[in-house]
Amino acid sequence: MKFLSDDEVITVAMNLEQEGRGFYDEAARLSKHKETKEIFNKLRDEEADHYKTFKDLLDNIQAAGPKGYFNINEEAVSYLNSLIETGVFKGIDKQSIKRLSEAEVLEIGLKVERDSVLYYNEAQKMSTNPKAREIMSKIIEIEKEHLVTLTNRLRVARRLF
């Protein structure tokens, strides 16, 4: 068995949300279509809210005293590490976004949201902290809504652009 602290798992979640906010901010800035820009701005704001939620959770966990740990098997550790190491934003920077079509940026957003849902699902299953499980469950539902929003906009983008 391996152990990850609540702090470590929540910190990764915070990093995902912070990177997502930066990605959507840049995508909105570069978008040429009003509707897509509005979607990216909304997603950016929601990622910022998620970051704050995780930050508050981390502060509460740290204030509570001794660390809680996720007790997970080797396979789960490998899975989480691969999600972390490959990073949902690896290789994506402001310069590369500029070269992409709007549909390609939407596809990256879809991949990011899918990977986030995968991470949060695994973290939620392994958490021993009821508040962390509750928060992850709520954020998973919001991330799934992001998937639907991005999928619908991608359908439009493929037809129009």
N, C-alpha and C. Protein backbone atom coordinates (compact mmCIF):
# COMPACT_ATOMS: atom_id res chain seq x y z
N MET A 1 0.83 -1.19 0.00
CA MET A 1 0.00 0.00 0.00
C MET A 1 0.87 1.25 0.00
N LYS A 2 0.36 2.27 -0.67
CA LYS A 2 1.00 3.59 -0.68
C LYS A 2 0.05 4.56 0.00
N PHE A 3 0.59 5.66 0.40
CA PHE A 3 -0.23 6.68 1.04
C PHE A 3 0.05 8.04 0.42
N LEU A 4 -1.01 8.77 0.17
CA LEU A 4 -0.90 10.17 -0.25
C LEU A 4 -1.65 10.98 0.80
N SER A 5 -1.09 12.10 1.17
CA SER A 5 -1.78 12.93 2.16
C SER A 5 -2.91 13.70 1.50
N ASP A 6 -3.88 14.07 2.33
CA ASP A 6 -4.96 14.93 1.84
C ASP A 6 -4.36 16.18 1.21
N ASP A 7 -3.33 16.72 1.86
CA ASP A 7 -2.67 17.94 1.35
C ASP A 7 -2.19 17.75 -0.08
N GLU A 8 -1.54 16.60 -0.34
CA GLU A 8 -0.99 16.35 -1.68
C GLU A 8 -2.09 16.26 -2.73
N VAL A 9 -3.14 15.53 -2.41
CA VAL A 9 -4.23 15.34 -3.37
C VAL A 9 -4.95 16.65 -3.64
N ILE A 10 -5.20 17.43 -2.60
CA ILE A 10 -5.88 18.71 -2.76
C ILE A 10 -4.99 19.71 -3.50
N THR A 11 -3.69 19.68 -3.24
CA THR A 11 -2.77 20.59 -3.93
C THR A 11 -2.76 20.30 -5.43
N VAL A 12 -2.79 19.03 -5.81
CA VAL A 12 -2.87 18.69 -7.24
C VAL A 12 -4.17 19.23 -7.83
N ALA A 13 -5.27 19.08 -7.11
CA ALA A 13 -6.55 19.61 -7.58
C ALA A 13 -6.48 21.12 -7.76
N MET A 14 -5.84 21.80 -6.82
CA MET A 14 -5.68 23.26 -6.94
C MET A 14 -4.87 23.62 -8.18
N ASN A 15 -3.82 22.87 -8.43
CA ASN A 15 -2.99 23.13 -9.62
C ASN A 15 -3.78 22.91 -10.90
N LEU A 16 -4.60 21.85 -10.94
CA LEU A 16 -5.45 21.61 -12.11
C LEU A 16 -6.36 22.80 -12.37
N GLU A 17 -6.98 23.29 -11.31
CA GLU A 17 -7.92 24.40 -11.46
C GLU A 17 -7.20 25.69 -11.85
N GLN A 18 -6.03 25.92 -11.28
CA GLN A 18 -5.27 27.13 -11.61
C GLN A 18 -4.82 27.10 -13.08
N GLU A 19 -4.34 25.94 -13.53
CA GLU A 19 -3.94 25.82 -14.92
C GLU A 19 -5.14 25.97 -15.85
N GLY A 20 -6.27 25.40 -15.44
CA GLY A 20 -7.49 25.53 -16.23
C GLY A 20 -7.92 26.97 -16.37
N ARG A 21 -7.85 27.70 -15.28
CA ARG A 21 -8.21 29.12 -15.32
C ARG A 21 -7.33 29.88 -16.30
N GLY A 22 -6.04 29.63 -16.26
CA GLY A 22 -5.11 30.29 -17.19
C GLY A 22 -5.38 29.91 -18.64
N PHE A 23 -5.66 28.63 -18.87
CA PHE A 23 -5.96 28.16 -20.22
C PHE A 23 -7.21 28.84 -20.76
N TYR A 24 -8.30 28.81 -19.98
CA TYR A 24 -9.55 29.40 -20.45
C TYR A 24 -9.44 30.92 -20.60
N ASP A 25 -8.66 31.56 -19.76
CA ASP A 25 -8.45 32.99 -19.88
C ASP A 25 -7.80 33.32 -21.22
N GLU A 26 -6.75 32.59 -21.55
CA GLU A 26 -6.05 32.82 -22.82
C GLU A 26 -6.94 32.45 -24.00
N ALA A 27 -7.68 31.35 -23.88
CA ALA A 27 -8.57 30.93 -24.96
C ALA A 27 -9.64 32.00 -25.21
N ALA A 28 -10.18 32.58 -24.16
CA ALA A 28 -11.19 33.64 -24.31
C ALA A 28 -10.59 34.86 -24.97
N ARG A 29 -9.40 35.22 -24.54
CA ARG A 29 -8.73 36.40 -25.09
C ARG A 29 -8.50 36.25 -26.60
N LEU A 30 -8.19 35.05 -27.04
CA LEU A 30 -7.86 34.82 -28.44
C LEU A 30 -9.07 34.47 -29.31
N SER A 31 -10.19 34.12 -28.68
CA SER A 31 -11.36 33.70 -29.44
C SER A 31 -11.92 34.84 -30.28
N LYS A 32 -12.30 34.50 -31.50
CA LYS A 32 -12.86 35.49 -32.42
C LYS A 32 -14.39 35.49 -32.43
N HIS A 33 -14.98 34.53 -31.74
CA HIS A 33 -16.44 34.40 -31.75
C HIS A 33 -17.01 34.68 -30.37
N LYS A 34 -17.97 35.58 -30.33
CA LYS A 34 -18.55 36.06 -29.08
C LYS A 34 -19.04 34.91 -28.19
N GLU A 35 -19.77 33.96 -28.77
CA GLU A 35 -20.35 32.88 -27.97
C GLU A 35 -19.26 32.01 -27.35
N THR A 36 -18.22 31.71 -28.12
CA THR A 36 -17.13 30.89 -27.60
C THR A 36 -16.37 31.66 -26.53
N LYS A 37 -16.15 32.93 -26.75
CA LYS A 37 -15.46 33.78 -25.77
C LYS A 37 -16.23 33.77 -24.44
N GLU A 38 -17.56 33.88 -24.52
CA GLU A 38 -18.39 33.87 -23.31
C GLU A 38 -18.28 32.53 -22.58
N ILE A 39 -18.25 31.44 -23.33
CA ILE A 39 -18.10 30.11 -22.72
C ILE A 39 -16.76 30.02 -22.01
N PHE A 40 -15.69 30.41 -22.69
CA PHE A 40 -14.36 30.34 -22.08
C PHE A 40 -14.27 31.23 -20.84
N ASN A 41 -14.88 32.41 -20.88
CA ASN A 41 -14.87 33.29 -19.71
C ASN A 41 -15.62 32.67 -18.53
N LYS A 42 -16.76 32.04 -18.83
CA LYS A 42 -17.54 31.38 -17.78
C LYS A 42 -16.74 30.23 -17.17
N LEU A 43 -16.11 29.42 -18.02
CA LEU A 43 -15.32 28.30 -17.52
C LEU A 43 -14.13 28.80 -16.70
N ARG A 44 -13.50 29.87 -17.15
CA ARG A 44 -12.39 30.47 -16.41
C ARG A 44 -12.84 30.85 -15.00
N ASP A 45 -13.99 31.51 -14.92
CA ASP A 45 -14.50 31.95 -13.62
C ASP A 45 -14.84 30.75 -12.72
N GLU A 46 -15.39 29.70 -13.31
CA GLU A 46 -15.73 28.53 -12.51
C GLU A 46 -14.47 27.81 -12.03
N GLU A 47 -13.44 27.76 -12.87
CA GLU A 47 -12.17 27.16 -12.45
C GLU A 47 -11.58 27.95 -11.27
N ALA A 48 -11.69 29.27 -11.32
CA ALA A 48 -11.22 30.11 -10.21
C ALA A 48 -12.01 29.81 -8.93
N ASP A 49 -13.32 29.61 -9.07
CA ASP A 49 -14.15 29.25 -7.91
C ASP A 49 -13.72 27.90 -7.34
N HIS A 50 -13.44 26.94 -8.22
CA HIS A 50 -13.01 25.61 -7.77
C HIS A 50 -11.68 25.71 -7.02
N TYR A 51 -10.77 26.53 -7.55
CA TYR A 51 -9.48 26.72 -6.89
C TYR A 51 -9.71 27.23 -5.46
N LYS A 52 -10.57 28.23 -5.33
CA LYS A 52 -10.84 28.80 -4.00
C LYS A 52 -11.47 27.74 -3.09
N THR A 53 -12.37 26.94 -3.62
CA THR A 53 -13.00 25.88 -2.83
C THR A 53 -11.95 24.91 -2.31
N PHE A 54 -11.04 24.48 -3.20
CA PHE A 54 -9.98 23.56 -2.78
C PHE A 54 -9.02 24.23 -1.80
N LYS A 55 -8.72 25.50 -2.02
CA LYS A 55 -7.82 26.24 -1.12
C LYS A 55 -8.44 26.31 0.28
N ASP A 56 -9.73 26.61 0.34
CA ASP A 56 -10.42 26.66 1.64
C ASP A 56 -10.39 25.29 2.31
N LEU A 57 -10.62 24.24 1.52
CA LEU A 57 -10.59 22.88 2.05
C LEU A 57 -9.20 22.56 2.59
N LEU A 58 -8.17 22.90 1.83
CA LEU A 58 -6.79 22.66 2.27
C LEU A 58 -6.50 23.41 3.57
N ASP A 59 -6.91 24.67 3.64
CA ASP A 59 -6.70 25.45 4.86
C ASP A 59 -7.39 24.80 6.06
N ASN A 60 -8.61 24.31 5.85
CA ASN A 60 -9.35 23.66 6.93
C ASN A 60 -8.69 22.35 7.36
N ILE A 61 -8.22 21.58 6.38
CA ILE A 61 -7.55 20.31 6.68
C ILE A 61 -6.27 20.57 7.47
N GLN A 62 -5.51 21.56 7.03
CA GLN A 62 -4.25 21.87 7.71
C GLN A 62 -4.50 22.40 9.12
N ALA A 63 -5.55 23.17 9.29
CA ALA A 63 -5.87 23.72 10.61
C ALA A 63 -6.38 22.64 11.57
N ALA A 64 -6.92 21.55 11.00
CA ALA A 64 -7.50 20.49 11.82
C ALA A 64 -6.46 19.65 12.54
N GLY A 65 -5.21 19.75 12.12
CA GLY A 65 -4.17 19.01 12.83
C GLY A 65 -3.55 17.93 12.00
N PRO A 66 -3.43 16.72 12.57
CA PRO A 66 -2.71 15.64 11.88
C PRO A 66 -3.29 15.36 10.49
N LYS A 67 -2.38 15.07 9.59
CA LYS A 67 -2.78 14.83 8.20
C LYS A 67 -3.59 13.55 8.08
N GLY A 68 -4.59 13.61 7.20
CA GLY A 68 -5.28 12.40 6.79
C GLY A 68 -4.57 11.86 5.56
N TYR A 69 -4.70 10.58 5.35
CA TYR A 69 -4.03 9.97 4.20
C TYR A 69 -5.01 9.17 3.38
N PHE A 70 -4.75 9.17 2.07
CA PHE A 70 -5.47 8.32 1.16
C PHE A 70 -4.71 7.00 1.14
N ASN A 71 -5.36 5.92 1.49
CA ASN A 71 -4.74 4.61 1.51
C ASN A 71 -5.06 3.94 0.18
N ILE A 72 -4.08 3.85 -0.70
CA ILE A 72 -4.36 3.39 -2.05
C ILE A 72 -3.37 2.32 -2.48
N ASN A 73 -3.81 1.50 -3.43
CA ASN A 73 -2.93 0.43 -3.90
C ASN A 73 -1.97 0.96 -4.96
N GLU A 74 -0.98 0.13 -5.29
CA GLU A 74 0.06 0.52 -6.24
C GLU A 74 -0.52 0.94 -7.59
N GLU A 75 -1.52 0.21 -8.05
CA GLU A 75 -2.12 0.52 -9.36
C GLU A 75 -2.75 1.91 -9.35
N ALA A 76 -3.45 2.23 -8.27
CA ALA A 76 -4.07 3.55 -8.16
C ALA A 76 -3.03 4.65 -8.10
N VAL A 77 -1.92 4.39 -7.38
CA VAL A 77 -0.84 5.38 -7.32
C VAL A 77 -0.28 5.62 -8.71
N SER A 78 -0.05 4.53 -9.46
CA SER A 78 0.47 4.66 -10.82
C SER A 78 -0.48 5.47 -11.69
N TYR A 79 -1.77 5.19 -11.54
CA TYR A 79 -2.78 5.89 -12.33
C TYR A 79 -2.79 7.38 -12.01
N LEU A 80 -2.83 7.72 -10.73
CA LEU A 80 -2.83 9.13 -10.33
C LEU A 80 -1.54 9.81 -10.77
N ASN A 81 -0.42 9.13 -10.59
CA ASN A 81 0.86 9.72 -11.00
C ASN A 81 0.91 9.97 -12.50
N SER A 82 0.33 9.06 -13.29
CA SER A 82 0.34 9.28 -14.74
C SER A 82 -0.51 10.48 -15.11
N LEU A 83 -1.64 10.67 -14.43
CA LEU A 83 -2.46 11.86 -14.67
C LEU A 83 -1.70 13.12 -14.30
N ILE A 84 -0.98 13.06 -13.19
CA ILE A 84 -0.23 14.23 -12.72
C ILE A 84 0.96 14.51 -13.64
N GLU A 85 1.73 13.45 -13.95
CA GLU A 85 2.96 13.62 -14.73
C GLU A 85 2.68 14.04 -16.17
N THR A 86 1.66 13.47 -16.77
CA THR A 86 1.37 13.85 -18.15
C THR A 86 0.71 15.21 -18.18
N GLY A 87 0.16 15.60 -17.06
CA GLY A 87 -0.41 16.93 -16.94
C GLY A 87 -1.40 17.23 -18.04
N VAL A 88 -2.55 17.67 -17.66
CA VAL A 88 -3.57 17.95 -18.67
C VAL A 88 -3.18 19.11 -19.54
N PHE A 89 -2.22 19.92 -19.11
CA PHE A 89 -1.81 21.09 -19.89
C PHE A 89 -0.40 20.97 -20.43
N LYS A 90 0.20 19.78 -20.36
CA LYS A 90 1.57 19.62 -20.86
C LYS A 90 1.62 20.00 -22.33
N GLY A 91 2.58 20.80 -22.68
CA GLY A 91 2.78 21.18 -24.08
C GLY A 91 1.84 22.26 -24.59
N ILE A 92 0.99 22.77 -23.71
CA ILE A 92 0.06 23.82 -24.12
C ILE A 92 0.54 25.13 -23.50
N ASP A 93 0.88 26.07 -24.34
CA ASP A 93 1.27 27.39 -23.85
C ASP A 93 0.59 28.44 -24.71
N LYS A 94 0.81 29.68 -24.36
CA LYS A 94 0.13 30.77 -25.08
C LYS A 94 0.47 30.77 -26.57
N GLN A 95 1.70 30.44 -26.89
CA GLN A 95 2.09 30.43 -28.30
C GLN A 95 1.38 29.32 -29.07
N SER A 96 1.26 28.15 -28.46
CA SER A 96 0.61 27.05 -29.18
C SER A 96 -0.89 27.30 -29.32
N ILE A 97 -1.51 27.94 -28.35
CA ILE A 97 -2.94 28.24 -28.46
C ILE A 97 -3.19 29.19 -29.63
N LYS A 98 -2.30 30.14 -29.82
CA LYS A 98 -2.46 31.11 -30.92
C LYS A 98 -2.50 30.43 -32.29
N ARG A 99 -1.82 29.30 -32.42
CA ARG A 99 -1.74 28.61 -33.71
C ARG A 99 -2.90 27.66 -33.95
N LEU A 100 -3.73 27.47 -32.96
CA LEU A 100 -4.80 26.48 -33.07
C LEU A 100 -6.10 27.12 -33.55
N SER A 101 -6.91 26.29 -34.20
CA SER A 101 -8.25 26.73 -34.57
C SER A 101 -9.12 26.74 -33.31
N GLU A 102 -10.25 27.40 -33.41
CA GLU A 102 -11.17 27.43 -32.28
C GLU A 102 -11.64 26.01 -31.92
N ALA A 103 -11.89 25.19 -32.93
CA ALA A 103 -12.31 23.81 -32.68
C ALA A 103 -11.22 23.04 -31.94
N GLU A 104 -9.97 23.26 -32.30
CA GLU A 104 -8.86 22.57 -31.62
C GLU A 104 -8.74 23.01 -30.17
N VAL A 105 -8.96 24.28 -29.91
CA VAL A 105 -8.92 24.77 -28.52
C VAL A 105 -10.07 24.16 -27.73
N LEU A 106 -11.24 24.07 -28.33
CA LEU A 106 -12.38 23.43 -27.66
C LEU A 106 -12.08 21.97 -27.37
N GLU A 107 -11.41 21.28 -28.29
CA GLU A 107 -11.04 19.87 -28.08
C GLU A 107 -10.07 19.73 -26.91
N ILE A 108 -9.13 20.66 -26.79
CA ILE A 108 -8.21 20.64 -25.65
C ILE A 108 -9.01 20.84 -24.36
N GLY A 109 -9.95 21.78 -24.38
CA GLY A 109 -10.80 21.99 -23.21
C GLY A 109 -11.54 20.72 -22.82
N LEU A 110 -12.04 19.99 -23.82
CA LEU A 110 -12.73 18.73 -23.54
C LEU A 110 -11.79 17.72 -22.88
N LYS A 111 -10.57 17.61 -23.40
CA LYS A 111 -9.60 16.68 -22.83
C LYS A 111 -9.27 17.07 -21.39
N VAL A 112 -9.09 18.35 -21.16
CA VAL A 112 -8.78 18.85 -19.82
C VAL A 112 -9.90 18.49 -18.85
N GLU A 113 -11.13 18.73 -19.27
CA GLU A 113 -12.27 18.44 -18.39
C GLU A 113 -12.39 16.95 -18.13
N ARG A 114 -12.19 16.11 -19.16
CA ARG A 114 -12.25 14.66 -18.97
C ARG A 114 -11.18 14.20 -17.97
N ASP A 115 -9.95 14.69 -18.16
CA ASP A 115 -8.86 14.30 -17.26
C ASP A 115 -9.13 14.78 -15.83
N SER A 116 -9.73 15.95 -15.70
CA SER A 116 -10.06 16.46 -14.37
C SER A 116 -11.09 15.56 -13.70
N VAL A 117 -12.12 15.16 -14.45
CA VAL A 117 -13.14 14.27 -13.90
C VAL A 117 -12.50 12.95 -13.46
N LEU A 118 -11.60 12.41 -14.29
CA LEU A 118 -10.92 11.17 -13.92
C LEU A 118 -10.16 11.33 -12.61
N TYR A 119 -9.40 12.41 -12.50
CA TYR A 119 -8.62 12.64 -11.29
C TYR A 119 -9.53 12.78 -10.07
N TYR A 120 -10.56 13.62 -10.19
CA TYR A 120 -11.44 13.85 -9.05
C TYR A 120 -12.21 12.59 -8.66
N ASN A 121 -12.61 11.78 -9.65
CA ASN A 121 -13.28 10.51 -9.33
C ASN A 121 -12.38 9.61 -8.49
N GLU A 122 -11.13 9.46 -8.92
CA GLU A 122 -10.19 8.61 -8.18
C GLU A 122 -9.91 9.19 -6.80
N ALA A 123 -9.68 10.48 -6.73
CA ALA A 123 -9.40 11.11 -5.44
C ALA A 123 -10.59 10.98 -4.49
N GLN A 124 -11.79 11.14 -5.04
CA GLN A 124 -12.99 11.02 -4.22
C GLN A 124 -13.13 9.60 -3.66
N LYS A 125 -12.88 8.60 -4.49
CA LYS A 125 -12.99 7.21 -4.04
C LYS A 125 -12.02 6.90 -2.91
N MET A 126 -10.84 7.49 -2.97
CA MET A 126 -9.78 7.15 -2.02
C MET A 126 -9.77 8.02 -0.77
N SER A 127 -10.49 9.10 -0.78
CA SER A 127 -10.44 10.03 0.35
C SER A 127 -11.10 9.44 1.58
N THR A 128 -10.49 9.70 2.72
CA THR A 128 -11.10 9.33 3.99
C THR A 128 -11.77 10.54 4.65
N ASN A 129 -11.68 11.69 3.99
CA ASN A 129 -12.23 12.93 4.53
C ASN A 129 -13.62 13.17 3.92
N PRO A 130 -14.68 13.10 4.74
CA PRO A 130 -16.03 13.27 4.21
C PRO A 130 -16.24 14.61 3.49
N LYS A 131 -15.67 15.68 4.03
CA LYS A 131 -15.82 17.00 3.39
C LYS A 131 -15.14 17.01 2.03
N ALA A 132 -13.96 16.41 1.93
CA ALA A 132 -13.25 16.34 0.65
C ALA A 132 -14.07 15.54 -0.37
N ARG A 133 -14.64 14.41 0.07
CA ARG A 133 -15.47 13.60 -0.84
C ARG A 133 -16.68 14.40 -1.33
N GLU A 134 -17.31 15.12 -0.42
CA GLU A 134 -18.48 15.93 -0.78
C GLU A 134 -18.11 17.01 -1.80
N ILE A 135 -17.02 17.71 -1.55
CA ILE A 135 -16.59 18.78 -2.46
C ILE A 135 -16.21 18.21 -3.82
N MET A 136 -15.47 17.10 -3.82
CA MET A 136 -15.08 16.49 -5.10
C MET A 136 -16.31 16.06 -5.88
N SER A 137 -17.29 15.51 -5.19
CA SER A 137 -18.52 15.09 -5.86
C SER A 137 -19.21 16.26 -6.56
N LYS A 138 -19.30 17.39 -5.87
CA LYS A 138 -19.93 18.57 -6.46
C LYS A 138 -19.12 19.09 -7.65
N ILE A 139 -17.80 19.10 -7.51
CA ILE A 139 -16.97 19.62 -8.60
C ILE A 139 -16.99 18.67 -9.79
N ILE A 140 -17.08 17.36 -9.55
CA ILE A 140 -17.21 16.40 -10.65
C ILE A 140 -18.44 16.73 -11.48
N GLU A 141 -19.55 17.01 -10.81
CA GLU A 141 -20.79 17.33 -11.54
C GLU A 141 -20.62 18.60 -12.37
N ILE A 142 -19.96 19.60 -11.82
CA ILE A 142 -19.74 20.85 -12.57
C ILE A 142 -18.81 20.60 -13.75
N GLU A 143 -17.76 19.80 -13.54
CA GLU A 143 -16.83 19.49 -14.64
C GLU A 143 -17.56 18.73 -15.75
N LYS A 144 -18.50 17.87 -15.38
CA LYS A 144 -19.30 17.16 -16.39
C LYS A 144 -20.16 18.15 -17.17
N GLU A 145 -20.69 19.16 -16.49
CA GLU A 145 -21.44 20.21 -17.19
C GLU A 145 -20.53 20.94 -18.18
N HIS A 146 -19.27 21.16 -17.78
CA HIS A 146 -18.30 21.79 -18.69
C HIS A 146 -18.12 20.93 -19.94
N LEU A 147 -18.08 19.62 -19.75
CA LEU A 147 -17.94 18.71 -20.90
C LEU A 147 -19.10 18.89 -21.87
N VAL A 148 -20.31 18.96 -21.34
CA VAL A 148 -21.49 19.14 -22.20
C VAL A 148 -21.43 20.48 -22.91
N THR A 149 -21.10 21.54 -22.19
CA THR A 149 -21.00 22.88 -22.78
C THR A 149 -19.98 22.90 -23.91
N LEU A 150 -18.80 22.36 -23.65
CA LEU A 150 -17.74 22.35 -24.66
C LEU A 150 -18.10 21.47 -25.85
N THR A 151 -18.73 20.33 -25.59
CA THR A 151 -19.15 19.44 -26.68
C THR A 151 -20.16 20.13 -27.58
N ASN A 152 -21.13 20.79 -26.98
CA ASN A 152 -22.14 21.50 -27.78
C ASN A 152 -21.51 22.61 -28.61
N ARG A 153 -20.59 23.35 -28.02
CA ARG A 153 -19.93 24.44 -28.78
C ARG A 153 -19.03 23.87 -29.87
N LEU A 154 -18.39 22.74 -29.60
CA LEU A 154 -17.54 22.12 -30.62
C LEU A 154 -18.37 21.70 -31.82
N ARG A 155 -19.56 21.18 -31.59
CA ARG A 155 -20.45 20.82 -32.72
C ARG A 155 -20.73 22.04 -33.59
N VAL A 156 -21.01 23.16 -32.95
CA VAL A 156 -21.27 24.41 -33.68
C VAL A 156 -20.00 24.84 -34.42
N ALA A 157 -18.88 24.80 -33.73
CA ALA A 157 -17.61 25.25 -34.33
C ALA A 157 -17.26 24.42 -35.56
N ARG A 158 -17.50 23.14 -35.50
CA ARG A 158 -17.18 22.28 -36.65
C ARG A 158 -18.06 22.59 -37.85
N ARG A 159 -19.29 23.03 -37.60
CA ARG A 159 -20.19 23.37 -38.71
C ARG A 159 -19.90 24.76 -39.27
N LEU A 160 -19.55 25.70 -38.39
CA LEU A 160 -19.46 27.10 -38.82
C LEU A 160 -18.06 27.58 -39.17
N PHE A 161 -17.05 27.06 -38.52
CA PHE A 161 -15.74 27.66 -38.70
C PHE A 161 -14.86 26.79 -39.58
